[in-house]
Protein backbone atom coordinates (compact mmCIF):
# COMPACT_ATOMS: atom_id res chain seq x y z
CA MET A 1 56.95 -21.95 -58.09
CA ASP A 2 55.21 -19.13 -59.94
CA GLY A 3 51.79 -20.48 -58.93
CA LEU A 4 52.37 -23.89 -60.50
CA ASP A 5 51.99 -26.91 -58.23
CA LYS A 6 55.61 -28.03 -58.13
CA VAL A 7 54.79 -31.74 -58.36
CA PHE A 8 53.39 -31.15 -61.86
CA MET A 9 56.42 -29.28 -63.15
CA PRO A 10 57.87 -30.98 -66.24
CA LEU A 11 60.98 -33.06 -65.63
CA GLY A 12 62.45 -35.15 -68.40
CA GLY A 13 59.33 -34.71 -70.51
CA MET A 14 56.77 -35.73 -67.89
CA PRO A 15 55.30 -34.32 -64.66
CA LEU A 16 57.64 -34.56 -61.69
CA ILE A 17 55.11 -36.54 -59.63
CA LEU A 18 54.89 -39.18 -62.34
CA HIS A 19 58.52 -40.18 -61.70
CA CYS A 20 57.54 -40.99 -58.11
CA LEU A 21 54.36 -42.80 -59.04
CA ASN A 22 56.11 -44.92 -61.66
CA ALA A 23 58.72 -45.98 -59.12
CA PHE A 24 56.16 -47.10 -56.54
CA GLU A 25 53.98 -48.67 -59.23
CA ALA A 26 56.96 -50.79 -60.30
CA ALA A 27 57.96 -51.84 -56.78
CA PRO A 28 56.60 -55.35 -56.12
CA GLU A 29 56.45 -54.70 -52.37
CA ILE A 30 53.90 -51.91 -52.82
CA GLN A 31 50.28 -53.04 -52.77
CA GLY A 32 48.49 -49.71 -53.04
CA ILE A 33 49.10 -45.99 -53.38
CA VAL A 34 47.14 -43.04 -51.97
CA LEU A 35 48.01 -39.84 -53.83
CA VAL A 36 47.52 -36.68 -51.76
CA LEU A 37 47.35 -33.38 -53.64
CA SER A 38 46.23 -29.82 -53.10
CA GLU A 39 42.56 -29.21 -53.82
CA SER A 40 43.37 -27.29 -56.99
CA ALA A 41 45.40 -30.24 -58.33
CA LEU A 42 42.93 -33.05 -57.62
CA GLU A 43 41.37 -33.18 -61.08
CA ARG A 44 44.76 -33.02 -62.74
CA GLY A 45 46.00 -35.84 -60.52
CA GLU A 46 43.02 -38.03 -61.32
CA THR A 47 43.58 -37.45 -65.03
CA LEU A 48 47.26 -38.34 -64.70
CA VAL A 49 46.45 -41.60 -62.93
CA ARG A 50 43.85 -42.53 -65.53
CA GLU A 51 45.93 -41.63 -68.59
CA HIS A 52 49.00 -43.50 -67.37
CA ARG A 53 47.02 -46.49 -66.09
CA LEU A 54 48.54 -46.42 -62.62
CA ALA A 55 46.76 -49.49 -61.30
CA LYS A 56 48.10 -49.30 -57.74
CA VAL A 57 46.72 -45.81 -57.10
CA GLU A 58 43.62 -46.49 -55.01
CA THR A 59 42.45 -42.90 -54.72
CA VAL A 60 43.47 -39.26 -55.01
CA VAL A 61 42.88 -37.35 -51.78
CA ARG A 62 42.72 -33.65 -50.94
CA GLY A 63 45.61 -32.48 -48.80
CA GLY A 64 45.47 -30.25 -45.74
CA ALA A 65 46.81 -26.90 -44.63
CA ARG A 66 50.02 -28.47 -43.31
CA ARG A 67 52.13 -31.34 -44.54
CA GLN A 68 51.11 -33.46 -41.53
CA ASP A 69 47.43 -32.72 -42.23
CA SER A 70 47.90 -34.06 -45.75
CA VAL A 71 49.49 -37.26 -44.42
CA ALA A 72 46.65 -37.65 -41.92
CA ASN A 73 44.09 -37.32 -44.71
CA GLY A 74 45.86 -40.04 -46.64
CA LEU A 75 46.01 -42.32 -43.61
CA ARG A 76 42.24 -42.06 -43.14
CA ILE A 77 41.66 -43.40 -46.64
CA LEU A 78 44.45 -45.98 -46.70
CA SER A 79 43.43 -49.62 -46.96
CA GLU A 80 44.31 -51.84 -44.02
CA CYS A 81 47.98 -52.79 -44.12
CA ASP A 82 50.78 -53.52 -41.68
CA PHE A 83 53.23 -50.92 -42.99
CA VAL A 84 52.97 -47.58 -44.75
CA ILE A 85 55.56 -45.57 -46.67
CA VAL A 86 55.30 -41.78 -46.78
CA HIS A 87 57.10 -40.03 -49.63
CA ASP A 88 57.37 -36.42 -50.80
CA GLY A 89 55.98 -36.06 -54.30
CA ALA A 90 58.68 -33.47 -54.99
CA ARG A 91 61.44 -36.11 -54.69
CA PRO A 92 61.43 -37.65 -58.17
CA PHE A 93 64.47 -39.91 -57.77
CA VAL A 94 63.02 -42.47 -55.39
CA ASP A 95 63.76 -45.95 -56.70
CA ARG A 96 63.11 -49.59 -55.86
CA GLY A 97 66.34 -49.78 -53.86
CA LEU A 98 65.14 -47.03 -51.52
CA VAL A 99 61.76 -48.71 -51.16
CA SER A 100 63.37 -52.05 -50.30
CA ARG A 101 65.74 -50.47 -47.78
CA ALA A 102 62.82 -48.64 -46.17
CA LEU A 103 60.90 -51.87 -45.64
CA ASP A 104 63.96 -53.73 -44.35
CA ALA A 105 64.64 -50.96 -41.82
CA VAL A 106 61.06 -50.53 -40.63
CA ALA A 107 60.88 -54.24 -39.82
CA GLU A 108 63.50 -53.66 -37.12
CA THR A 109 61.90 -50.85 -35.11
CA GLY A 110 58.53 -49.97 -36.62
CA ALA A 111 59.77 -46.60 -37.91
CA ALA A 112 62.47 -45.75 -40.44
CA SER A 113 63.69 -42.82 -42.48
CA ALA A 114 65.98 -42.39 -45.45
CA ALA A 115 68.92 -40.13 -44.62
CA VAL A 116 72.33 -39.15 -45.93
CA PRO A 117 75.45 -38.11 -43.98
CA VAL A 118 75.89 -34.35 -43.70
CA LYS A 119 78.87 -33.25 -45.79
CA ASP A 120 79.33 -29.71 -44.50
CA THR A 121 80.34 -28.51 -41.06
CA ILE A 122 77.20 -27.36 -39.24
CA LYS A 123 77.11 -24.32 -36.97
CA VAL A 124 74.39 -23.69 -34.39
CA ALA A 125 73.81 -19.97 -33.89
CA GLY A 126 71.37 -17.71 -32.09
CA PRO A 127 69.44 -14.71 -33.45
CA ASP A 128 72.62 -12.64 -33.12
CA MET A 129 74.39 -15.03 -35.53
CA ILE A 130 77.02 -15.86 -32.92
CA VAL A 131 78.02 -19.53 -33.04
CA ASN A 132 76.89 -21.44 -29.96
CA GLU A 133 77.96 -24.91 -31.01
CA THR A 134 79.64 -26.91 -33.76
CA PRO A 135 78.20 -30.45 -33.65
CA ASP A 136 80.31 -33.40 -34.69
CA ARG A 137 79.15 -33.91 -38.25
CA ARG A 138 79.92 -37.62 -37.99
CA THR A 139 76.71 -37.87 -35.95
CA LEU A 140 74.59 -35.71 -38.27
CA TRP A 141 72.30 -37.04 -40.97
CA ALA A 142 70.00 -35.14 -43.33
CA ALA A 143 66.58 -36.77 -43.31
CA GLN A 144 64.79 -37.54 -46.56
CA THR A 145 61.82 -39.57 -47.67
CA PRO A 146 60.71 -42.30 -48.12
CA GLN A 147 59.91 -42.84 -44.46
CA ALA A 148 58.27 -46.09 -43.39
CA PHE A 149 56.19 -46.97 -40.33
CA ARG A 150 53.96 -49.56 -38.84
CA THR A 151 50.62 -48.19 -39.91
CA ALA A 152 49.18 -48.31 -36.40
CA THR A 153 52.18 -46.41 -35.03
CA LEU A 154 51.88 -43.58 -37.54
CA ARG A 155 48.11 -43.32 -37.11
CA ASN A 156 48.58 -43.12 -33.34
CA ALA A 157 51.13 -40.34 -33.74
CA HIS A 158 48.83 -38.30 -35.96
CA GLU A 159 45.94 -38.74 -33.56
CA ARG A 160 47.93 -37.70 -30.48
CA LEU A 161 50.20 -34.95 -31.75
CA THR A 162 48.86 -31.70 -33.20
CA GLY A 163 51.88 -29.39 -33.02
CA ASP A 164 53.80 -28.46 -36.14
CA VAL A 165 56.46 -30.94 -37.25
CA THR A 166 58.64 -31.12 -40.34
CA ASP A 167 58.36 -34.85 -40.97
CA ASP A 168 56.52 -37.95 -39.80
CA ALA A 169 59.59 -39.44 -38.18
CA SER A 170 59.61 -36.51 -35.75
CA MET A 171 56.06 -37.35 -34.72
CA VAL A 172 56.79 -40.95 -33.81
CA GLU A 173 60.06 -39.91 -32.13
CA ALA A 174 57.99 -37.69 -29.84
CA LEU A 175 56.09 -40.81 -28.73
CA GLY A 176 59.32 -42.58 -27.85
CA VAL A 177 59.39 -44.86 -30.88
CA PRO A 178 62.97 -45.49 -32.09
CA VAL A 179 63.49 -44.43 -35.70
CA LYS A 180 65.97 -46.44 -37.75
CA LEU A 181 67.91 -44.53 -40.40
CA PHE A 182 68.73 -46.21 -43.67
CA LEU A 183 70.95 -44.87 -46.42
CA GLY A 184 69.20 -42.52 -48.80
CA ALA A 185 70.88 -40.90 -51.79
CA TYR A 186 72.30 -37.45 -52.43
CA GLU A 187 70.50 -37.50 -55.78
CA ASN A 188 67.21 -38.03 -53.92
CA LEU A 189 66.72 -34.27 -53.80
CA LYS A 190 63.52 -32.40 -53.06
CA VAL A 191 62.63 -30.10 -55.93
CA THR A 192 61.50 -26.81 -54.41
CA THR A 193 63.29 -24.08 -56.42
CA HIS A 194 64.19 -23.40 -60.03
CA ASP A 195 67.79 -24.27 -59.18
CA ASP A 196 66.56 -27.68 -58.00
CA VAL A 197 64.78 -28.20 -61.32
CA ALA A 198 68.00 -27.48 -63.20
CA LEU A 199 69.90 -29.92 -60.98
CA ALA A 200 67.23 -32.60 -61.44
CA GLU A 201 67.37 -32.18 -65.21
CA SER A 202 71.16 -32.55 -65.12
CA ILE A 203 70.84 -35.76 -63.09
CA LEU A 204 68.39 -37.19 -65.62
CA SER A 205 70.65 -36.16 -68.48
CA ALA A 206 73.71 -37.75 -66.85
CA ARG A 207 71.81 -40.98 -66.24
CA SER A 208 70.61 -41.06 -69.82
CA ASN A 209 74.09 -40.43 -71.22
CA ALA A 210 75.55 -43.12 -68.99
CA GLY A 211 72.86 -45.59 -69.96
CA ALA A 212 71.81 -45.83 -66.32
CA PRO A 213 68.20 -46.58 -65.36
CA GLY A 214 65.98 -43.78 -64.13
CA VAL A 215 63.59 -44.14 -61.24
CA LEU A 216 61.94 -47.27 -62.63
């Protein structure tokens, strides 16, 4: 957004990414964090980690050209562990409940993704904008992060698949690994536009006025 790395946009008086980091830092199930950022944001990320004493952040890693390249870079650095959670830094409303549900779900199948039921009727159309199909929305879920995997499974997927994908769950699906969905949250939005920033600020304001906890 206007040349500013979106994960450092201010939200509620602090960088957007810090909401995510605080949530994972506070989750007792999380042993370590690898923060993946664009090359231009590395120094800023290291400063953020140091100033806020984020003890679980093991390292800050340069991302890649594609989202999946960034995840792969993080996986190469990650300490040995049985499970790994992948989360978009632009989703500031991750909380301990989502983290716990991710780990419960991944224990069943080795791969799990947060998701919410689709509210709107979805139309499938071709380039001519003529509707080809109207899927039953009762079967449709909008995928989010966090997504959780057996570490070996996700590493295998990144080693074997090089085509473009939109999320890590799609990669392990392509290898025939069943992905378990667990309930995400409609407030767990991905901040990508100025409208999203306004919505995120309104969510924070509503939580503050209601005396509800934030992402911690």
